[in-house]
Each structure stands twice: as structure tokens, then as C-alpha cells.
């Protein structure tokens, strides 16, 4: 079975450091177990996450996220087969969403759901480059 890469967005429910740390802790534990890697880009108004790994494991992780009450309005944005991982060393990299990406008004107006796969992947490619430094 090949590797899959999935990008989704959701809105945080009750975003604070404790909730974010819980999400990251749960993700890292489950992802190590399931051979999933990826990155979570977030701030108080949005989560944007890339998951990569065995297709069945990525789908199972996404299914758990859809049922997680810490996420609202979960939307699958892009999915594809991949040859190599973008975040091979990270069970879940956390990167705060920088203002150079999208403003809160742009996110509220649907910037993520309207973004092209190329635009979405470019965000994570930049995060991967920064995290490698």
C-alpha cells in the first residue's frame, strides 16, 4: 500500500494553550503508533494540518479528527498519493500560523477552502524548509 498525504482545515473549539497541547500530545502519540507524520499550522481561528503515511492510517486519523469535539467544521481540502514524506522526522510538527499566510478576515471569508492544492502544499513546503534549518 502506498503513502497518502491529506490536508484539512478546521476551526478550533475553545482554543487555548491547554487544548492545543492536548491535541499535539494526542496526535504525536497516535501518529508514532500509526506511522503518520505531518504538521499542524494553527492560530486561534484556524487549524490547517497535513497528514502523511499509509493510506489506511491517514484515513483513520482523519476520521478521529472529524469526531474530535476540539475541531469544528472539518473540511478535507486535498489528498494525493506521494512517493516521499514532506515531514519524515515529525510525528506532528507545530507551527503557529503566521500573518503572512492569511489574515483572520481572509480565513473567515473562505481563503482556505478556496485555496488551490498548489497554494496549500506551498504553505507546508515552506514550513518544512523552515523546520529543517
C-alpha atoms as a PDB file:
ATOM      1  CA  UNK A   1       0.000   0.000   0.000  1.00  0.00           C
ATOM      2  CA  UNK A   2       1.327   3.467  -0.910  1.00  0.00           C
ATOM      3  CA  UNK A   3       1.734   6.638   1.041  1.00  0.00           C
ATOM      4  CA  UNK A   4      -1.042   9.187   1.190  1.00  0.00           C
ATOM      5  CA  UNK A   5      -0.953  12.874   2.006  1.00  0.00           C
ATOM      6  CA  UNK A   6      -4.070  14.647   3.262  1.00  0.00           C
ATOM      7  CA  UNK A   7      -4.581  18.334   4.048  1.00  0.00           C
ATOM      8  CA  UNK A   8      -7.592  19.530   6.001  1.00  0.00           C
ATOM      9  CA  UNK A   9      -8.757  22.617   7.829  1.00  0.00           C
ATOM     10  CA  UNK A  10     -10.976  23.068  10.843  1.00  0.00           C
ATOM     11  CA  UNK A  11     -11.922  25.715  13.338  1.00  0.00           C
ATOM     12  CA  UNK A  12     -10.733  25.368  16.923  1.00  0.00           C
ATOM     13  CA  UNK A  13     -13.338  24.987  19.639  1.00  0.00           C
ATOM     14  CA  UNK A  14     -12.186  26.823  22.749  1.00  0.00           C
ATOM     15  CA  UNK A  15      -8.623  27.440  21.549  1.00  0.00           C
ATOM     16  CA  UNK A  16      -6.032  27.916  24.293  1.00  0.00           C
ATOM     17  CA  UNK A  17      -2.607  26.516  25.152  1.00  0.00           C
ATOM     18  CA  UNK A  18      -4.030  23.585  27.129  1.00  0.00           C
ATOM     19  CA  UNK A  19      -6.301  22.475  24.286  1.00  0.00           C
ATOM     20  CA  UNK A  20      -3.544  22.904  21.698  1.00  0.00           C
ATOM     21  CA  UNK A  21      -1.066  20.955  23.848  1.00  0.00           C
ATOM     22  CA  UNK A  22      -3.641  18.181  24.259  1.00  0.00           C
ATOM     23  CA  UNK A  23      -4.188  17.984  20.504  1.00  0.00           C
ATOM     24  CA  UNK A  24      -0.442  17.890  19.830  1.00  0.00           C
ATOM     25  CA  UNK A  25       0.161  15.272  22.532  1.00  0.00           C
ATOM     26  CA  UNK A  26      -2.648  13.031  21.235  1.00  0.00           C
ATOM     27  CA  UNK A  27      -1.518  13.458  17.624  1.00  0.00           C
ATOM     28  CA  UNK A  28       2.107  12.652  18.374  1.00  0.00           C
ATOM     29  CA  UNK A  29       1.219   9.547  20.385  1.00  0.00           C
ATOM     30  CA  UNK A  30      -1.204   8.164  17.788  1.00  0.00           C
ATOM     31  CA  UNK A  31       0.944   9.187  14.828  1.00  0.00           C
ATOM     32  CA  UNK A  32       4.054   7.432  16.171  1.00  0.00           C
ATOM     33  CA  UNK A  33       1.931   4.323  16.686  1.00  0.00           C
ATOM     34  CA  UNK A  34       0.393   4.536  13.187  1.00  0.00           C
ATOM     35  CA  UNK A  35       3.485   5.636  11.200  1.00  0.00           C
ATOM     36  CA  UNK A  36       1.972   9.030  10.373  1.00  0.00           C
ATOM     37  CA  UNK A  37       3.980  12.223  10.062  1.00  0.00           C
ATOM     38  CA  UNK A  38       2.915  15.777   9.364  1.00  0.00           C
ATOM     39  CA  UNK A  39       2.464  19.323  10.531  1.00  0.00           C
ATOM     40  CA  UNK A  40      -0.195  21.415  12.242  1.00  0.00           C
ATOM     41  CA  UNK A  41      -0.262  25.107  11.366  1.00  0.00           C
ATOM     42  CA  UNK A  42      -2.628  26.951  13.661  1.00  0.00           C
ATOM     43  CA  UNK A  43      -3.800  30.007  15.490  1.00  0.00           C
ATOM     44  CA  UNK A  44      -6.949  30.820  17.468  1.00  0.00           C
ATOM     45  CA  UNK A  45      -9.198  30.979  14.388  1.00  0.00           C
ATOM     46  CA  UNK A  46      -7.942  28.070  12.264  1.00  0.00           C
ATOM     47  CA  UNK A  47      -6.192  24.722  12.103  1.00  0.00           C
ATOM     48  CA  UNK A  48      -4.504  23.685   8.873  1.00  0.00           C
ATOM     49  CA  UNK A  49      -2.970  20.231   9.030  1.00  0.00           C
ATOM     50  CA  UNK A  50      -1.066  17.916   6.719  1.00  0.00           C
ATOM     51  CA  UNK A  51      -1.054  14.192   7.488  1.00  0.00           C
ATOM     52  CA  UNK A  52       1.095  11.696   5.594  1.00  0.00           C
ATOM     53  CA  UNK A  53       1.611   7.975   5.913  1.00  0.00           C
ATOM     54  CA  UNK A  54      -0.009   4.685   4.939  1.00  0.00           C
ATOM     55  CA  UNK A  55      -3.341   5.458   3.303  1.00  0.00           C
ATOM     56  CA  UNK A  56      -5.486   3.460   5.741  1.00  0.00           C
ATOM     57  CA  UNK A  57      -3.752   5.030   8.745  1.00  0.00           C
ATOM     58  CA  UNK A  58      -4.176   8.559   7.362  1.00  0.00           C
ATOM     59  CA  UNK A  59      -7.884   7.924   6.715  1.00  0.00           C
ATOM     60  CA  UNK A  60      -8.323   6.521  10.233  1.00  0.00           C
ATOM     61  CA  UNK A  61      -6.581   9.562  11.747  1.00  0.00           C
ATOM     62  CA  UNK A  62      -8.758  11.915   9.718  1.00  0.00           C
ATOM     63  CA  UNK A  63     -11.848  10.022  10.876  1.00  0.00           C
ATOM     64  CA  UNK A  64     -10.804  10.537  14.512  1.00  0.00           C
ATOM     65  CA  UNK A  65     -10.265  14.250  13.866  1.00  0.00           C
ATOM     66  CA  UNK A  66     -13.738  14.590  12.314  1.00  0.00           C
ATOM     67  CA  UNK A  67     -15.237  13.182  15.542  1.00  0.00           C
ATOM     68  CA  UNK A  68     -12.998  15.209  17.888  1.00  0.00           C
ATOM     69  CA  UNK A  69     -15.010  17.948  19.590  1.00  0.00           C
ATOM     70  CA  UNK A  70     -11.922  20.183  19.714  1.00  0.00           C
ATOM     71  CA  UNK A  71     -12.404  20.668  15.948  1.00  0.00           C
ATOM     72  CA  UNK A  72     -15.393  22.328  14.269  1.00  0.00           C
ATOM     73  CA  UNK A  73     -16.231  22.445  10.578  1.00  0.00           C
ATOM     74  CA  UNK A  74     -13.602  19.901   9.494  1.00  0.00           C
ATOM     75  CA  UNK A  75     -13.054  20.124   5.724  1.00  0.00           C
ATOM     76  CA  UNK A  76     -10.830  17.853   3.632  1.00  0.00           C
ATOM     77  CA  UNK A  77      -9.001  20.200   1.261  1.00  0.00           C
ATOM     78  CA  UNK A  78      -6.614  17.978  -0.688  1.00  0.00           C
ATOM     79  CA  UNK A  79      -5.478  14.374  -0.823  1.00  0.00           C
ATOM     80  CA  UNK A  80      -2.969  12.610  -3.037  1.00  0.00           C
ATOM     81  CA  UNK A  81      -0.589   9.681  -3.238  1.00  0.00           C
ATOM     82  CA  UNK A  82       3.027  10.555  -2.541  1.00  0.00           C
ATOM     83  CA  UNK A  83       6.401   8.908  -3.066  1.00  0.00           C
ATOM     84  CA  UNK A  84       8.176  10.610  -0.155  1.00  0.00           C
ATOM     85  CA  UNK A  85       7.124  12.371   3.020  1.00  0.00           C
ATOM     86  CA  UNK A  86       7.451  16.111   3.471  1.00  0.00           C
ATOM     87  CA  UNK A  87       7.893  15.747   7.265  1.00  0.00           C
ATOM     88  CA  UNK A  88       9.674  12.391   7.730  1.00  0.00           C
ATOM     89  CA  UNK A  89      11.135  13.327  11.127  1.00  0.00           C
ATOM     90  CA  UNK A  90       7.992  14.811  12.667  1.00  0.00           C
ATOM     91  CA  UNK A  91       5.170  12.800  14.231  1.00  0.00           C
ATOM     92  CA  UNK A  92       3.468  16.215  14.339  1.00  0.00           C
ATOM     93  CA  UNK A  93       5.290  19.486  13.846  1.00  0.00           C
ATOM     94  CA  UNK A  94       3.560  22.509  15.347  1.00  0.00           C
ATOM     95  CA  UNK A  95       3.939  25.811  13.541  1.00  0.00           C
ATOM     96  CA  UNK A  96       1.954  28.921  14.503  1.00  0.00           C
ATOM     97  CA  UNK A  97       0.054  30.357  11.551  1.00  0.00           C
ATOM     98  CA  UNK A  98       1.950  33.461  10.549  1.00  0.00           C
ATOM     99  CA  UNK A  99       0.144  36.557   9.376  1.00  0.00           C
ATOM    100  CA  UNK A 100       1.945  36.405   6.006  1.00  0.00           C
ATOM    101  CA  UNK A 101      -0.257  33.479   5.066  1.00  0.00           C
ATOM    102  CA  UNK A 102      -3.823  34.657   5.575  1.00  0.00           C
ATOM    103  CA  UNK A 103      -5.416  37.312   7.722  1.00  0.00           C
ATOM    104  CA  UNK A 104      -8.267  36.417  10.036  1.00  0.00           C
ATOM    105  CA  UNK A 105     -10.647  38.179   7.652  1.00  0.00           C
ATOM    106  CA  UNK A 106      -9.350  36.111   4.707  1.00  0.00           C
ATOM    107  CA  UNK A 107      -9.772  32.873   6.683  1.00  0.00           C
ATOM    108  CA  UNK A 108     -13.295  33.904   7.710  1.00  0.00           C
ATOM    109  CA  UNK A 109     -14.087  34.652   4.056  1.00  0.00           C
ATOM    110  CA  UNK A 110     -13.040  31.135   2.968  1.00  0.00           C
ATOM    111  CA  UNK A 111      -9.415  31.584   1.882  1.00  0.00           C
ATOM    112  CA  UNK A 112      -8.502  28.025   2.865  1.00  0.00           C
ATOM    113  CA  UNK A 113     -11.436  26.276   1.252  1.00  0.00           C
ATOM    114  CA  UNK A 114     -10.803  28.341  -1.868  1.00  0.00           C
ATOM    115  CA  UNK A 115      -7.053  27.716  -1.957  1.00  0.00           C
ATOM    116  CA  UNK A 116      -5.613  25.558  -4.724  1.00  0.00           C
ATOM    117  CA  UNK A 117      -3.726  22.355  -3.906  1.00  0.00           C
ATOM    118  CA  UNK A 118      -0.548  24.134  -5.056  1.00  0.00           C
ATOM    119  CA  UNK A 119      -1.155  27.001  -2.596  1.00  0.00           C
ATOM    120  CA  UNK A 120      -1.835  24.598   0.262  1.00  0.00           C
ATOM    121  CA  UNK A 121       1.208  22.463  -0.461  1.00  0.00           C
ATOM    122  CA  UNK A 122       3.355  25.599  -0.751  1.00  0.00           C
ATOM    123  CA  UNK A 123       2.474  26.503   2.842  1.00  0.00           C
ATOM    124  CA  UNK A 124       3.679  23.136   4.104  1.00  0.00           C
ATOM    125  CA  UNK A 125       6.756  23.136   1.878  1.00  0.00           C
ATOM    126  CA  UNK A 126       7.735  26.456   3.430  1.00  0.00           C
ATOM    127  CA  UNK A 127       7.098  25.086   6.934  1.00  0.00           C
ATOM    128  CA  UNK A 128       9.226  22.031   6.113  1.00  0.00           C
ATOM    129  CA  UNK A 129      12.064  24.234   4.879  1.00  0.00           C
ATOM    130  CA  UNK A 130      11.924  26.431   7.980  1.00  0.00           C
ATOM    131  CA  UNK A 131      11.791  23.417  10.333  1.00  0.00           C
ATOM    132  CA  UNK A 132      14.830  21.856   8.649  1.00  0.00           C
ATOM    133  CA  UNK A 133      17.001  24.891   9.463  1.00  0.00           C
END
